[in-house]
Amino acid sequence: MTYSPYQANKNKNISQLHGFNVDNSLTHILKDEIKKELEEDAYFQKVQEKYANIAAKILDFAGNPAFDDFVMSLLNDTRGGSRQGFPDEIGVALMKLTRIHDKLLEKRA
């Protein structure tokens, strides 16, 4: 997968939506390695199967220090109780992905 200006704008727009700064991310090569490992993970595949749009955003944040904050923003109700919430298996998968992502970052540090 090559990195294009379109992808950079897409990442920036997603980060602005969620209030995170994608510009502080690791190099594109490192991000691509982390994305690849996440895509192969069974927990990621569970999320992708049921919530493809969220899985795409997770990959946009791969390699970014704001990854955990982004995932936590998905899990926490910020809409005054109007959010339905995720099924337990997806909530667990999202939490596991934060741990996996942290380990991938540590491995490359």
Protein backbone atom coordinates (compact mmCIF):
# COMPACT_ATOMS: atom_id res chain seq x y z
CA MET A 1 0.00 0.00 0.00
CA THR A 2 1.45 3.35 -0.97
CA TYR A 3 0.91 6.54 0.93
CA SER A 4 -0.77 9.29 -1.06
CA PRO A 5 -1.68 12.95 -0.44
CA TYR A 6 -5.30 11.78 -0.45
CA GLN A 7 -4.54 9.43 2.46
CA ALA A 8 -2.79 12.25 4.33
CA ASN A 9 -5.87 14.46 3.95
CA LYS A 10 -8.14 11.59 4.95
CA ASN A 11 -6.06 10.98 8.09
CA LYS A 12 -6.08 14.68 8.91
CA ASN A 13 -9.86 14.90 8.50
CA ILE A 14 -10.43 11.87 10.72
CA SER A 15 -8.08 13.25 13.36
CA GLN A 16 -9.89 16.59 13.32
CA LEU A 17 -13.23 14.85 13.76
CA HIS A 18 -11.96 13.16 16.89
CA GLY A 19 -9.72 16.00 18.10
CA PHE A 20 -6.46 14.07 17.73
CA ASN A 21 -3.31 15.12 15.91
CA VAL A 22 -2.24 12.56 13.32
CA ASP A 23 0.77 14.75 12.40
CA ASN A 24 2.59 13.40 15.49
CA SER A 25 2.52 9.88 14.07
CA LEU A 26 5.50 7.66 13.42
CA THR A 27 7.06 7.37 9.99
CA HIS A 28 4.83 6.04 7.23
CA ILE A 29 6.90 2.89 6.88
CA LEU A 30 6.49 2.06 10.56
CA LYS A 31 2.78 2.88 10.42
CA ASP A 32 2.36 0.53 7.46
CA GLU A 33 4.09 -2.29 9.36
CA ILE A 34 1.81 -1.79 12.35
CA LYS A 35 -1.28 -1.59 10.13
CA LYS A 36 -0.34 -4.88 8.47
CA GLU A 37 0.04 -6.63 11.83
CA LEU A 38 -3.25 -5.22 13.09
CA GLU A 39 -5.06 -6.31 9.92
CA GLU A 40 -3.87 -9.87 10.46
CA ASP A 41 -5.05 -9.93 14.08
CA ALA A 42 -8.21 -11.91 14.92
CA TYR A 43 -9.54 -9.13 17.20
CA PHE A 44 -9.21 -6.58 14.42
CA GLN A 45 -10.96 -8.93 12.03
CA LYS A 46 -13.90 -9.22 14.46
CA VAL A 47 -14.25 -5.45 14.53
CA GLN A 48 -13.89 -5.22 10.76
CA GLU A 49 -16.53 -7.88 10.22
CA LYS A 50 -19.20 -5.95 12.13
CA TYR A 51 -17.96 -2.34 11.98
CA ALA A 52 -15.94 -1.78 8.81
CA ASN A 53 -16.00 2.00 9.20
CA ILE A 54 -14.50 1.79 12.69
CA ALA A 55 -11.90 -0.73 11.50
CA ALA A 56 -10.84 1.74 8.80
CA LYS A 57 -10.43 4.49 11.40
CA ILE A 58 -8.43 2.15 13.62
CA LEU A 59 -6.03 1.60 10.73
CA ASP A 60 -5.82 5.35 10.18
CA PHE A 61 -4.60 5.72 13.77
CA ALA A 62 -2.20 2.75 13.62
CA GLY A 63 1.27 3.83 14.71
CA ASN A 64 -0.04 7.04 16.19
CA PRO A 65 0.43 7.81 19.90
CA ALA A 66 -3.23 8.92 19.95
CA PHE A 67 -4.39 5.37 19.06
CA ASP A 68 -5.42 4.51 22.63
CA ASP A 69 -7.25 7.82 23.08
CA PHE A 70 -9.13 7.23 19.84
CA VAL A 71 -10.23 3.73 20.84
CA MET A 72 -11.24 4.96 24.29
CA SER A 73 -13.33 7.69 22.64
CA LEU A 74 -15.22 4.90 20.88
CA LEU A 75 -15.85 3.05 24.13
CA ASN A 76 -16.91 6.03 26.22
CA ASP A 77 -20.32 7.60 25.75
CA THR A 78 -19.77 11.21 24.79
CA ARG A 79 -23.33 11.75 23.57
CA GLY A 80 -25.17 12.04 26.86
CA GLY A 81 -26.39 8.45 26.98
CA SER A 82 -27.68 8.30 23.42
CA ARG A 83 -24.99 5.88 22.27
CA GLN A 84 -26.13 2.27 22.05
CA GLY A 85 -22.72 0.81 22.81
CA PHE A 86 -20.92 -2.16 21.34
CA PRO A 87 -21.65 -5.84 21.89
CA ASP A 88 -19.35 -7.27 24.57
CA GLU A 89 -17.20 -9.17 22.07
CA ILE A 90 -16.46 -5.95 20.15
CA GLY A 91 -15.74 -3.98 23.32
CA VAL A 92 -13.28 -6.67 24.40
CA ALA A 93 -11.72 -6.75 20.91
CA LEU A 94 -11.22 -2.97 20.96
CA MET A 95 -9.53 -3.12 24.36
CA LYS A 96 -7.30 -6.00 23.22
CA LEU A 97 -6.34 -3.98 20.14
CA THR A 98 -5.09 -1.14 22.33
CA ARG A 99 -2.82 -3.60 24.15
CA ILE A 100 -1.63 -5.15 20.91
CA HIS A 101 -0.96 -1.72 19.42
CA ASP A 102 1.02 -0.68 22.51
CA LYS A 103 3.15 -3.84 22.25
CA LEU A 104 3.78 -3.22 18.55
CA LEU A 105 4.95 0.31 19.32
CA GLU A 106 7.21 -0.91 22.14
CA LYS A 107 8.69 -3.60 19.89
CA ARG A 108 9.72 -0.94 17.36
CA ALA A 109 11.00 1.65 19.84
